[in-house]
Structures are given as structure tokens and as C-alpha cells.
Protein backbone atom coordinates (compact mmCIF):
# COMPACT_ATOMS: atom_id res chain seq x y z
CA UNK A 1 -15.36 -9.62 -3.64
CA UNK A 2 -12.06 -10.04 -1.79
CA UNK A 3 -10.07 -9.15 -4.94
CA UNK A 4 -12.30 -6.24 -5.87
CA UNK A 5 -10.78 -2.73 -5.73
CA UNK A 6 -13.76 -1.77 -3.55
CA UNK A 7 -12.21 -3.69 -0.68
CA UNK A 8 -9.40 -1.13 -0.32
CA UNK A 9 -9.10 2.48 0.83
CA UNK A 10 -11.66 4.57 2.74
CA UNK A 11 -14.86 5.62 0.99
CA UNK A 12 -15.25 9.17 -0.26
CA UNK A 13 -18.84 10.38 0.07
CA UNK A 14 -20.99 8.18 -2.22
CA UNK A 15 -18.07 7.33 -4.54
CA UNK A 16 -16.76 3.75 -4.61
CA UNK A 17 -13.46 4.26 -6.45
CA UNK A 18 -11.32 7.39 -6.76
CA UNK A 19 -8.86 7.72 -9.65
CA UNK A 20 -6.46 10.57 -8.97
CA UNK A 21 -4.64 12.22 -11.89
CA UNK A 22 -1.50 13.20 -10.04
CA UNK A 23 1.01 14.56 -12.55
CA UNK A 24 1.05 17.60 -14.76
CA UNK A 25 0.11 17.29 -18.44
CA UNK A 26 2.76 18.78 -20.72
CA UNK A 27 3.86 20.87 -17.75
CA UNK A 28 0.44 22.32 -16.98
CA UNK A 29 -2.42 21.59 -14.63
CA UNK A 30 -4.58 18.59 -15.62
CA UNK A 31 -7.66 20.68 -14.86
CA UNK A 32 -6.65 23.07 -17.65
CA UNK A 33 -5.70 20.34 -20.11
CA UNK A 34 -7.41 18.45 -22.92
CA UNK A 35 -8.93 16.00 -20.40
CA UNK A 36 -10.43 18.68 -18.13
CA UNK A 37 -13.97 17.73 -19.13
CA UNK A 38 -13.34 14.11 -18.11
CA UNK A 39 -12.99 14.93 -14.42
CA UNK A 40 -16.34 13.70 -13.10
CA UNK A 41 -18.10 10.64 -11.68
CA UNK A 42 -18.90 7.63 -13.86
CA UNK A 43 -21.08 4.55 -13.27
CA UNK A 44 -19.29 1.32 -14.23
CA UNK A 45 -19.26 -2.45 -13.77
CA UNK A 46 -16.18 -4.18 -12.35
CA UNK A 47 -15.50 -7.58 -13.91
CA UNK A 48 -12.87 -10.29 -13.68
CA UNK A 49 -11.12 -10.17 -17.06
CA UNK A 50 -10.30 -13.90 -16.89
CA UNK A 51 -13.77 -15.24 -16.05
CA UNK A 52 -15.86 -12.22 -17.12
CA UNK A 53 -17.56 -12.50 -13.75
CA UNK A 54 -19.11 -9.22 -12.58
CA UNK A 55 -17.67 -8.36 -9.19
CA UNK A 56 -19.78 -5.27 -8.68
CA UNK A 57 -22.45 -3.47 -10.71
CA UNK A 58 -23.19 0.25 -10.89
CA UNK A 59 -19.92 1.25 -9.29
CA UNK A 60 -19.40 4.99 -8.94
CA UNK A 61 -15.92 5.95 -10.13
CA UNK A 62 -14.58 9.47 -9.68
CA UNK A 63 -11.78 10.74 -11.96
CA UNK A 64 -10.25 13.79 -10.33
CA UNK A 65 -7.10 15.89 -10.04
CA UNK A 66 -7.96 17.12 -6.52
CA UNK A 67 -4.94 16.27 -4.35
CA UNK A 68 -7.00 16.68 -1.17
CA UNK A 69 -8.62 13.35 -2.07
CA UNK A 70 -5.29 11.48 -2.15
CA UNK A 71 -6.11 9.33 0.90
CA UNK A 72 -9.17 8.01 -0.92
CA UNK A 73 -7.33 7.22 -4.17
CA UNK A 74 -7.40 3.62 -5.41
CA UNK A 75 -5.21 4.56 -8.36
CA UNK A 76 -2.89 7.42 -9.33
CA UNK A 77 -2.41 8.37 -12.98
CA UNK A 78 0.77 9.93 -14.38
CA UNK A 79 1.18 11.49 -17.82
CA UNK A 80 4.11 9.70 -19.43
CA UNK A 81 5.64 12.77 -21.08
CA UNK A 82 5.77 14.46 -17.65
CA UNK A 83 7.48 11.58 -15.84
CA UNK A 84 11.20 12.37 -15.70
CA UNK A 85 13.91 9.85 -16.50
CA UNK A 86 14.86 8.18 -13.21
CA UNK A 87 11.98 9.77 -11.29
CA UNK A 88 11.08 7.90 -8.11
CA UNK A 89 7.32 8.02 -7.56
CA UNK A 90 7.24 5.45 -4.79
CA UNK A 91 10.12 4.48 -2.53
CA UNK A 92 8.73 1.03 -1.70
CA UNK A 93 5.55 -0.70 -2.86
CA UNK A 94 3.25 -1.67 -0.04
CA UNK A 95 0.04 -3.67 -0.08
CA UNK A 96 -2.97 -1.37 -0.25
CA UNK A 97 -1.10 1.50 -1.90
CA UNK A 98 -2.73 3.05 -5.00
CA UNK A 99 -2.24 1.34 -8.36
CA UNK A 100 -0.01 3.47 -10.60
CA UNK A 101 -1.15 4.05 -14.20
CA UNK A 102 1.18 5.30 -16.94
CA UNK A 103 -0.84 7.42 -19.39
CA UNK A 104 0.43 8.31 -22.87
CA UNK A 105 -1.48 9.68 -25.87
CA UNK A 106 1.57 9.63 -28.14
CA UNK A 107 4.13 7.04 -29.15
CA UNK A 108 6.06 6.17 -25.95
CA UNK A 109 9.27 5.91 -27.99
CA UNK A 110 9.01 9.58 -28.95
CA UNK A 111 7.48 11.25 -25.92
CA UNK A 112 8.17 9.13 -22.84
CA UNK A 113 11.90 9.03 -22.14
CA UNK A 114 11.10 7.78 -18.65
CA UNK A 115 10.32 4.33 -20.07
CA UNK A 116 13.97 4.00 -21.11
CA UNK A 117 14.84 3.68 -17.41
CA UNK A 118 13.83 0.24 -16.16
CA UNK A 119 13.60 1.28 -12.52
CA UNK A 120 11.19 4.10 -13.43
CA UNK A 121 9.02 1.94 -15.69
CA UNK A 122 8.75 -0.86 -13.11
CA UNK A 123 6.96 1.44 -10.69
CA UNK A 124 3.81 1.40 -12.83
CA UNK A 125 1.22 -1.37 -12.78
CA UNK A 126 -0.95 -0.47 -15.79
CA UNK A 127 -0.60 1.26 -19.17
CA UNK A 128 -3.30 3.57 -20.50
CA UNK A 129 -2.83 4.44 -24.18
CA UNK A 130 -4.21 4.27 -27.71
CA UNK A 131 -2.93 0.73 -28.23
CA UNK A 132 -5.69 -1.90 -28.37
CA UNK A 133 -3.65 -4.19 -26.13
CA UNK A 134 -3.19 -1.58 -23.41
CA UNK A 135 -4.52 -2.35 -19.96
CA UNK A 136 -6.78 0.68 -20.42
CA UNK A 137 -7.64 1.55 -24.01
CA UNK A 138 -7.96 5.31 -24.52
CA UNK A 139 -7.95 6.27 -28.23
CA UNK A 140 -6.44 9.55 -29.37
CA UNK A 141 -9.76 10.89 -30.57
CA UNK A 142 -12.26 13.45 -29.35
CA UNK A 143 -14.94 12.34 -26.91
CA UNK A 144 -17.96 11.15 -28.87
CA UNK A 145 -16.15 11.19 -32.23
CA UNK A 146 -15.61 7.44 -32.27
CA UNK A 147 -19.35 6.81 -31.98
CA UNK A 148 -20.00 9.42 -34.69
CA UNK A 149 -17.64 7.64 -37.07
CA UNK A 150 -19.18 4.25 -36.36
CA UNK A 151 -22.72 5.48 -36.94
CA UNK A 152 -21.94 7.56 -40.04
CA UNK A 153 -23.46 6.25 -43.26
CA UNK A 154 -20.82 5.28 -45.84
CA UNK A 155 -21.86 7.15 -48.99
CA UNK A 156 -19.43 5.42 -51.36
CA UNK A 157 -18.54 1.70 -51.05
CA UNK A 158 -14.88 1.13 -50.26
CA UNK A 159 -14.39 -1.04 -53.35
CA UNK A 160 -15.57 1.80 -55.60
CA UNK A 161 -13.61 4.45 -53.71
CA UNK A 162 -10.36 2.51 -53.71
CA UNK A 163 -10.49 1.98 -57.46
CA UNK A 164 -9.73 5.68 -57.94
CA UNK A 165 -8.00 6.73 -54.71
CA UNK A 166 -6.57 3.72 -52.85
CA UNK A 167 -5.19 5.82 -49.97
CA UNK A 168 -6.60 8.36 -47.52
CA UNK A 169 -4.56 10.40 -45.05
CA UNK A 170 -5.68 12.69 -42.23
CA UNK A 171 -2.99 14.67 -40.42
CA UNK A 172 -2.93 17.95 -38.50
CA UNK A 173 0.46 17.82 -36.78
CA UNK A 174 2.58 19.62 -39.34
CA UNK A 175 5.69 19.57 -37.13
CA UNK A 176 6.16 15.81 -36.83
CA UNK A 177 9.82 14.93 -36.20
CA UNK A 178 9.79 11.42 -37.69
CA UNK A 179 10.06 12.47 -41.35
CA UNK A 180 6.57 11.36 -42.30
CA UNK A 181 5.79 14.65 -44.11
CA UNK A 182 8.65 14.12 -46.59
CA UNK A 183 7.66 10.48 -47.04
CA UNK A 184 4.05 11.40 -47.79
CA UNK A 185 5.01 14.10 -50.29
CA UNK A 186 6.91 11.48 -52.25
CA UNK A 187 4.14 8.91 -51.85
CA UNK A 188 1.49 11.28 -53.20
CA UNK A 189 3.50 11.63 -56.42
CA UNK A 190 3.12 7.93 -57.12
CA UNK A 191 -0.23 6.94 -55.59
CA UNK A 192 -3.45 9.01 -55.88
CA UNK A 193 -4.36 9.97 -52.33
CA UNK A 194 -7.13 11.94 -50.64
CA UNK A 195 -5.46 13.90 -47.86
CA UNK A 196 -7.42 15.85 -45.26
CA UNK A 197 -6.53 17.87 -42.19
CA UNK A 198 -4.14 20.82 -41.93
CA UNK A 199 -1.08 19.10 -43.39
CA UNK A 200 -0.55 18.15 -47.04
CA UNK A 201 -4.23 18.67 -47.79
CA UNK A 202 -4.96 17.62 -51.38
CA UNK A 203 -8.73 18.20 -51.47
CA UNK A 204 -9.25 21.56 -49.73
CA UNK A 205 -11.56 19.73 -47.35
CA UNK A 206 -11.38 19.30 -43.61
CA UNK A 207 -12.30 16.20 -41.65
CA UNK A 208 -15.52 17.98 -40.62
CA UNK A 209 -16.47 18.45 -44.29
CA UNK A 210 -16.17 14.76 -45.06
CA UNK A 211 -18.09 13.76 -41.93
């Protein structure tokens, strides 16, 4: 238990670990953002990722944006797009200080200019993003939607579907700056594609219709 996060910081009520979302999200309050419904208490198991040994079962973890709980925080989360280039979050790392988590829902190369500054990036201990190899995997998908997709019955086998339409595209950001819209327009002229979402829709169907 000596390496467990439970060994650090004072206890807040009946909560074992406090995760404090400390930065703004796209300039606004986290409590008014797309993650506002995630601010609550969860029950988790803490394991050693190397040995898979369970350090502690049924741990109560609070995710909050309440700054009055800062002294209880085991970790502070910062939204990458809101971290400024060269921003100093900590002046000097000390043992027992909260772990800093860098959170990004978009491509860091496009939205997180702060990562281009080595001194800024080095302040963070963990990365939370949509990448499978992130320290904390958080997919860019609505809460509960991943389970819905996994449990949904496949009506047409992929082999049969791909024989007619080998590609499928779902996109709703029509203002992407990486040129993908122009690329897809050209691609659709050469390869039959089912496209859903708000952008370049070829079937007059939304994602909800196909689910």
C-alpha cells in the first residue's frame, strides 16, 4: 500500500481520491462544459499496472472542479487547448504534490500549442486522450455510446457490405482545417462510400438512423 495514491493527501469526507479539474475548457467553466455530467463520485479498483495486483478495492474517486477542495486533490487535470505556450503551472515539483494530467480530446498537434514548449510539457505526469496508448484512455465519444455500438446487432455482414460500399465515413465537423473535406470529395468520386453525419452526407441518414 505504500505506493498507493491513498497514502497521500488528507481525506475529504468519505472520498478516497479527489481529481480536481483545474483549468478552463475552451475558455469556459468546466462545470458548464461537455464533461459537466462527469463531475461525481465513482467506485474503482486501484491496481499495479505491472503486476496487476489490486492495491485497493472499492475506492471512492471524486472528479470535481470545486477549487475549495484543492488541498484534498491527488491529481489536477488541465485541458490541453487551454494551457498556454510557456505557461508555468508549478514552480518546483515536490514530493506529495498533486499529479498533473494533460487532457486533450483533439489531435495535440492541432489544438495544444503548449506541447511545443518542452518546459511546459515536462510539467505533466500523465496524458489523458483518445489514443489507446494514453495513460488514461478517454475516447471522443458520448457517454454510453461505446457500449451501445458494441452491443448493437450487425444487420449486414461486413463481407457483404464491403462488396458494394467498401468505405464508410461519419463526420460532423464541417470546418476542419486539415483539408480532409476536399480529400473526401475527391475520394467519393472514385470509391463508393456511405457517408453519414452533417458533412458530405451521401445517404440522407444520420448516425442515429443507422444505429
